[in-house]
Amino acid sequence: MSTTSTTLTPLAPTAPHTAEPAPRFTDLLAAEWIKLRSLRSTYWVLALASLAAIVVNLNAVHSDLPYLDHPGPPPPGFPPYRYDPLFHGLSSMSSDLMAIAAGSLGAITVFGEYTTGLVRTTFAAVPDRRAVVTAKVALIGGITALAGLVVSFGSFLATNAMLASRHVGLSIADDGCLRAVLGFAAIVPTCALIGMALGAVLRHATASIVSLVGLMFILPLMFGGDRYRWLKEIGTHLPLSTVTRLTINPDSSTTMGKYAPTVLDSWITMGVWAAVSVAVTVVVVRRRDV
């Protein structure tokens, strides 16, 4: 009877497993920037909308120059007409254009990832959904805020330079001018954040854009007039009504009628819309499955 013996060879020690470091916030910002930059149509839409908004404001003031050069007599019983550079230089048409462009951009950056399935890759690489959404909010909010500032300051400076020779131009230091320029700029990132919230809730391109248009332009039509105070106050607390109040020239006769909000109320309302939109985006993305 024979026996066999086996010699055990000790295994080489293995290197201890090191966990991957958590991505920094700057890394998340860089990743969101790459995703946004890869979709050329998105930032081209914002850039072209910004250019178009400035052109709209310049054209509005340029069209008024012949009337300023040769003003007609006022109607009987009315005081002479006083031109308002803020009303014409920061027109509601240009703010509406920026609102729909920024809101669409915000919605696309959210529902676009769900449509393409990229969101699964994103959350697999970075499980912390709140950090991902925060980076996306910071990037989109920053880009649209910059676009709003370019349009508002560019329009104000250019239109009032045109009006300087007619002695009706305004300075940024005049009463209400800086507030109007900042209010015009602030509505752009606010609408972008609202668009992000709609994109997160609906996750569908058509539904998100249609809801954005309905909220911005259709819903205010239901809350006009001065007959019922509660209806009017609901209307004045919608997003685009806040910028209307903030851009009113204190030295003009333009008003929002009865039950108009105060300047502070409009700033608070705009901030609440932005904060609630961010909160909705974070909560929906964290709690719903991809």
Protein backbone atom coordinates (compact mmCIF):
# COMPACT_ATOMS: atom_id res chain seq x y z
CA MET A 1 0.00 0.00 0.00
CA SER A 2 1.50 3.27 -1.05
CA THR A 3 0.74 6.80 0.14
CA THR A 4 1.08 10.08 -1.72
CA SER A 5 1.78 13.43 -0.18
CA THR A 6 0.89 16.85 -1.52
CA THR A 7 2.82 19.99 -0.89
CA LEU A 8 0.72 23.12 -0.56
CA THR A 9 2.20 26.24 -2.11
CA PRO A 10 1.25 29.42 -0.30
CA LEU A 11 -0.65 31.91 -2.43
CA ALA A 12 0.88 35.27 -3.12
CA PRO A 13 -0.70 38.01 -1.06
CA THR A 14 -3.26 40.04 -2.98
CA ALA A 15 -3.42 43.81 -2.90
CA PRO A 16 -6.21 45.15 -0.72
CA HIS A 17 -9.28 46.30 -2.64
CA THR A 18 -9.58 50.06 -2.77
CA ALA A 19 -12.95 51.63 -3.37
CA GLU A 20 -13.33 54.15 -6.16
CA PRO A 21 -13.32 57.69 -4.81
CA ALA A 22 -16.65 59.47 -4.93
CA PRO A 23 -16.87 61.90 -7.84
CA ARG A 24 -16.39 65.52 -6.95
CA PHE A 25 -19.02 68.10 -7.77
CA THR A 26 -16.73 69.62 -10.40
CA ASP A 27 -16.54 66.18 -12.05
CA LEU A 28 -20.32 66.01 -12.18
CA LEU A 29 -20.46 69.51 -13.66
CA ALA A 30 -17.93 68.51 -16.31
CA ALA A 31 -19.96 65.40 -17.16
CA GLU A 32 -23.17 67.41 -17.50
CA TRP A 33 -21.36 69.95 -19.66
CA ILE A 34 -20.14 67.18 -21.98
CA LYS A 35 -23.68 65.82 -22.31
CA LEU A 36 -25.07 69.27 -23.03
CA ARG A 37 -22.32 70.14 -25.49
CA SER A 38 -22.89 66.89 -27.40
CA LEU A 39 -26.41 68.06 -28.25
CA ARG A 40 -25.63 71.01 -30.48
CA SER A 41 -29.25 71.83 -31.15
CA THR A 42 -29.86 72.68 -27.49
CA TYR A 43 -27.32 75.45 -27.04
CA TRP A 44 -27.83 76.70 -30.59
CA VAL A 45 -31.50 77.22 -29.78
CA LEU A 46 -30.59 79.26 -26.69
CA ALA A 47 -27.96 81.27 -28.56
CA LEU A 48 -30.27 82.05 -31.48
CA ALA A 49 -33.12 82.91 -29.12
CA SER A 50 -30.85 85.33 -27.25
CA LEU A 51 -29.81 87.00 -30.50
CA ALA A 52 -33.42 87.18 -31.68
CA ALA A 53 -34.53 88.71 -28.36
CA ILE A 54 -31.94 91.48 -28.65
CA VAL A 55 -32.97 92.13 -32.26
CA VAL A 56 -36.63 92.32 -31.21
CA ASN A 57 -35.83 94.96 -28.60
CA LEU A 58 -33.62 96.96 -30.95
CA ASN A 59 -36.24 96.87 -33.69
CA ALA A 60 -38.97 97.98 -31.27
CA VAL A 61 -37.01 101.10 -30.31
CA HIS A 62 -35.75 101.77 -33.84
CA SER A 63 -39.34 101.73 -35.11
CA ASP A 64 -40.21 104.42 -32.57
CA LEU A 65 -37.50 106.87 -33.65
CA PRO A 66 -39.57 108.57 -36.40
CA TYR A 67 -42.36 109.24 -33.91
CA LEU A 68 -39.87 110.66 -31.42
CA ASP A 69 -38.41 112.93 -34.10
CA HIS A 70 -41.84 114.16 -35.25
CA PRO A 71 -44.29 113.73 -32.37
CA GLY A 72 -47.87 114.53 -33.21
CA PRO A 73 -50.18 116.60 -31.02
CA PRO A 74 -51.74 114.70 -28.10
CA PRO A 75 -55.47 113.89 -28.24
CA PRO A 76 -57.72 116.55 -26.71
CA GLY A 77 -57.83 116.29 -22.94
CA PHE A 78 -54.72 114.09 -22.72
CA PRO A 79 -51.25 115.13 -21.52
CA PRO A 80 -48.33 114.93 -23.94
CA TYR A 81 -47.10 111.39 -24.49
CA ARG A 82 -44.01 110.46 -22.48
CA TYR A 83 -41.86 107.77 -24.08
CA ASP A 84 -40.84 104.85 -21.83
CA PRO A 85 -37.47 103.32 -22.86
CA LEU A 86 -37.85 100.43 -20.41
CA PHE A 87 -41.22 99.35 -21.78
CA HIS A 88 -39.96 99.31 -25.37
CA GLY A 89 -36.32 98.32 -24.75
CA LEU A 90 -37.14 95.28 -22.58
CA SER A 91 -40.27 94.16 -24.35
CA SER A 92 -42.54 91.36 -23.26
CA MET A 93 -42.10 89.69 -26.65
CA SER A 94 -38.37 89.24 -26.05
CA SER A 95 -38.90 87.95 -22.49
CA ASP A 96 -41.49 85.47 -23.79
CA LEU A 97 -39.01 84.29 -26.41
CA MET A 98 -36.28 83.75 -23.81
CA ALA A 99 -38.73 82.04 -21.45
CA ILE A 100 -39.79 79.42 -23.99
CA ALA A 101 -36.21 78.83 -25.17
CA ALA A 102 -34.81 78.43 -21.65
CA GLY A 103 -37.75 76.34 -20.48
CA SER A 104 -37.40 74.02 -23.47
CA LEU A 105 -33.67 73.67 -22.82
CA GLY A 106 -34.31 72.76 -19.19
CA ALA A 107 -36.94 70.18 -20.13
CA ILE A 108 -34.78 68.60 -22.84
CA THR A 109 -31.84 68.07 -20.51
CA VAL A 110 -34.04 65.92 -18.26
CA PHE A 111 -36.45 64.02 -20.49
CA GLY A 112 -33.76 63.60 -23.15
CA GLU A 113 -31.76 61.32 -20.86
CA TYR A 114 -34.81 59.18 -20.10
CA THR A 115 -35.73 58.97 -23.79
CA THR A 116 -32.27 57.82 -24.88
CA GLY A 117 -31.64 55.62 -21.84
CA LEU A 118 -28.54 57.59 -20.92
CA VAL A 119 -29.96 58.09 -17.44
CA ARG A 120 -29.26 54.42 -16.60
CA THR A 121 -25.58 54.84 -17.45
CA THR A 122 -25.43 58.06 -15.46
CA PHE A 123 -26.91 56.57 -12.30
CA ALA A 124 -24.82 53.42 -12.66
CA ALA A 125 -21.68 55.56 -12.65
CA VAL A 126 -22.96 57.93 -9.95
CA PRO A 127 -25.61 56.34 -7.69
CA ASP A 128 -26.10 59.61 -5.80
CA ARG A 129 -29.01 60.94 -7.83
CA ARG A 130 -29.32 64.10 -5.79
CA ALA A 131 -25.74 65.09 -6.65
CA VAL A 132 -26.37 64.46 -10.34
CA VAL A 133 -29.53 66.57 -10.36
CA THR A 134 -27.80 69.33 -8.38
CA ALA A 135 -25.00 69.47 -10.95
CA LYS A 136 -27.51 69.57 -13.79
CA VAL A 137 -29.46 72.38 -12.08
CA ALA A 138 -26.29 74.38 -11.46
CA LEU A 139 -25.12 74.03 -15.06
CA ILE A 140 -28.44 74.82 -16.75
CA GLY A 141 -29.22 77.59 -14.28
CA GLY A 142 -25.80 79.17 -14.79
CA ILE A 143 -25.90 79.01 -18.58
CA THR A 144 -29.42 80.43 -18.84
CA ALA A 145 -28.64 83.12 -16.26
CA LEU A 146 -25.67 84.20 -18.38
CA ALA A 147 -27.87 84.27 -21.47
CA GLY A 148 -30.46 86.36 -19.61
CA LEU A 149 -27.84 88.85 -18.47
CA VAL A 150 -26.43 89.19 -21.99
CA VAL A 151 -29.87 89.87 -23.44
CA SER A 152 -31.04 92.24 -20.70
CA PHE A 153 -27.88 94.32 -20.37
CA GLY A 154 -27.20 94.23 -24.12
CA SER A 155 -30.73 95.36 -24.95
CA PHE A 156 -30.78 98.07 -22.30
CA LEU A 157 -27.43 99.56 -23.26
CA ALA A 158 -28.01 99.35 -27.01
CA THR A 159 -31.54 100.77 -27.01
CA ASN A 160 -30.71 103.63 -24.69
CA ALA A 161 -27.64 104.48 -26.77
CA MET A 162 -30.03 104.82 -29.74
CA LEU A 163 -32.29 107.08 -27.67
CA ALA A 164 -29.52 109.25 -26.25
CA SER A 165 -29.61 111.66 -29.21
CA ARG A 166 -33.36 112.10 -28.64
CA HIS A 167 -32.74 112.96 -24.97
CA VAL A 168 -35.10 110.27 -23.70
CA GLY A 169 -32.55 107.55 -22.91
CA LEU A 170 -32.04 106.17 -19.44
CA SER A 171 -28.99 105.27 -17.38
CA ILE A 172 -28.58 102.05 -15.44
CA ALA A 173 -28.38 104.21 -12.32
CA ASP A 174 -31.85 105.72 -12.90
CA ASP A 175 -34.69 104.66 -10.65
CA GLY A 176 -35.94 101.19 -11.46
CA CYS A 177 -33.50 100.49 -14.31
CA LEU A 178 -31.14 98.08 -12.57
CA ARG A 179 -34.11 96.26 -11.05
CA ALA A 180 -35.69 95.92 -14.49
CA VAL A 181 -32.52 94.58 -16.09
CA LEU A 182 -31.92 92.05 -13.31
CA GLY A 183 -35.58 91.01 -13.26
CA PHE A 184 -35.54 90.47 -17.02
CA ALA A 185 -32.39 88.36 -16.67
CA ALA A 186 -33.67 86.36 -13.68
CA ILE A 187 -36.79 85.08 -15.41
CA VAL A 188 -34.64 83.15 -17.91
CA PRO A 189 -33.04 80.67 -15.43
CA THR A 190 -36.33 80.50 -13.54
CA CYS A 191 -38.10 79.26 -16.67
CA ALA A 192 -35.26 76.82 -17.32
CA LEU A 193 -35.75 75.31 -13.85
CA ILE A 194 -39.51 75.11 -14.40
CA GLY A 195 -38.82 73.27 -17.65
CA MET A 196 -36.56 70.82 -15.81
CA ALA A 197 -39.32 70.07 -13.31
CA LEU A 198 -41.85 69.45 -16.08
CA GLY A 199 -39.36 67.22 -17.90
CA ALA A 200 -38.73 65.20 -14.74
CA VAL A 201 -42.43 64.74 -13.99
CA LEU A 202 -43.67 64.01 -17.53
CA ARG A 203 -40.57 62.42 -19.14
CA HIS A 204 -42.00 63.05 -22.60
CA ALA A 205 -40.92 65.64 -25.16
CA THR A 206 -44.32 66.75 -26.46
CA ALA A 207 -46.03 66.69 -23.08
CA SER A 208 -43.24 68.70 -21.44
CA ILE A 209 -43.13 71.43 -24.11
CA VAL A 210 -46.92 71.69 -24.36
CA SER A 211 -47.20 71.95 -20.56
CA LEU A 212 -44.51 74.64 -20.54
CA VAL A 213 -46.34 76.69 -23.16
CA GLY A 214 -49.62 76.23 -21.31
CA LEU A 215 -48.16 77.37 -18.01
CA MET A 216 -46.34 80.36 -19.46
CA PHE A 217 -48.81 81.68 -22.03
CA ILE A 218 -52.22 79.96 -21.88
CA LEU A 219 -52.84 79.85 -18.13
CA PRO A 220 -52.35 83.63 -17.61
CA LEU A 221 -55.24 84.28 -20.01
CA MET A 222 -57.58 82.70 -17.46
CA PHE A 223 -56.58 85.05 -14.66
CA GLY A 224 -56.83 88.52 -16.18
CA GLY A 225 -59.08 91.46 -15.47
CA ASP A 226 -59.69 93.38 -12.27
CA ARG A 227 -63.19 92.20 -11.43
CA TYR A 228 -62.26 89.37 -9.08
CA ARG A 229 -59.32 90.03 -6.81
CA TRP A 230 -58.47 86.37 -6.13
CA LEU A 231 -58.33 85.61 -9.86
CA LYS A 232 -56.13 88.63 -10.51
CA GLU A 233 -53.75 87.74 -7.68
CA ILE A 234 -53.34 84.20 -8.97
CA GLY A 235 -52.45 85.65 -12.36
CA THR A 236 -49.92 88.08 -10.92
CA HIS A 237 -48.12 85.21 -9.21
CA LEU A 238 -47.51 83.27 -12.42
CA PRO A 239 -43.90 83.28 -13.69
CA LEU A 240 -44.04 85.82 -16.52
CA SER A 241 -46.19 88.23 -14.51
CA THR A 242 -43.29 88.71 -12.11
CA VAL A 243 -40.97 90.04 -14.81
CA THR A 244 -43.75 92.32 -16.06
CA ARG A 245 -43.94 93.94 -12.62
CA LEU A 246 -40.18 94.19 -12.19
CA THR A 247 -39.63 95.90 -15.55
CA ILE A 248 -42.23 98.63 -15.06
CA ASN A 249 -40.63 102.07 -15.08
CA PRO A 250 -41.51 103.90 -11.82
CA ASP A 251 -41.54 107.22 -13.73
CA SER A 252 -44.03 106.05 -16.35
CA SER A 253 -47.79 105.75 -16.33
CA THR A 254 -47.64 101.99 -17.02
CA THR A 255 -49.30 99.86 -14.36
CA MET A 256 -50.65 96.33 -13.93
CA GLY A 257 -54.06 97.64 -12.90
CA LYS A 258 -55.79 96.93 -9.63
CA TYR A 259 -54.34 94.44 -7.14
CA ALA A 260 -50.87 94.73 -8.66
CA PRO A 261 -48.12 93.00 -6.65
CA THR A 262 -45.30 94.89 -5.00
CA VAL A 263 -41.74 94.67 -6.24
CA LEU A 264 -40.72 92.56 -3.24
CA ASP A 265 -43.68 90.26 -3.80
CA SER A 266 -42.62 89.69 -7.40
CA TRP A 267 -39.04 88.88 -6.39
CA ILE A 268 -40.29 86.41 -3.77
CA THR A 269 -42.69 84.82 -6.24
CA MET A 270 -39.96 84.32 -8.81
CA GLY A 271 -37.68 82.79 -6.17
CA VAL A 272 -40.43 80.45 -4.99
CA TRP A 273 -41.06 79.22 -8.54
CA ALA A 274 -37.35 78.48 -8.93
CA ALA A 275 -36.98 76.78 -5.53
CA VAL A 276 -40.10 74.63 -5.92
CA SER A 277 -39.02 73.59 -9.42
CA VAL A 278 -35.63 72.44 -8.14
CA ALA A 279 -37.25 70.57 -5.26
CA VAL A 280 -39.71 68.81 -7.57
CA THR A 281 -36.92 67.79 -9.95
CA VAL A 282 -34.77 66.36 -7.15
CA VAL A 283 -37.63 64.48 -5.46
CA VAL A 284 -39.06 63.00 -8.67
CA VAL A 285 -35.69 61.86 -10.03
CA ARG A 286 -34.68 60.29 -6.68
CA ARG A 287 -37.93 58.41 -6.06
CA ARG A 288 -39.00 57.22 -9.50
CA ASP A 289 -37.47 54.26 -11.30
CA VAL A 290 -35.47 54.80 -14.45
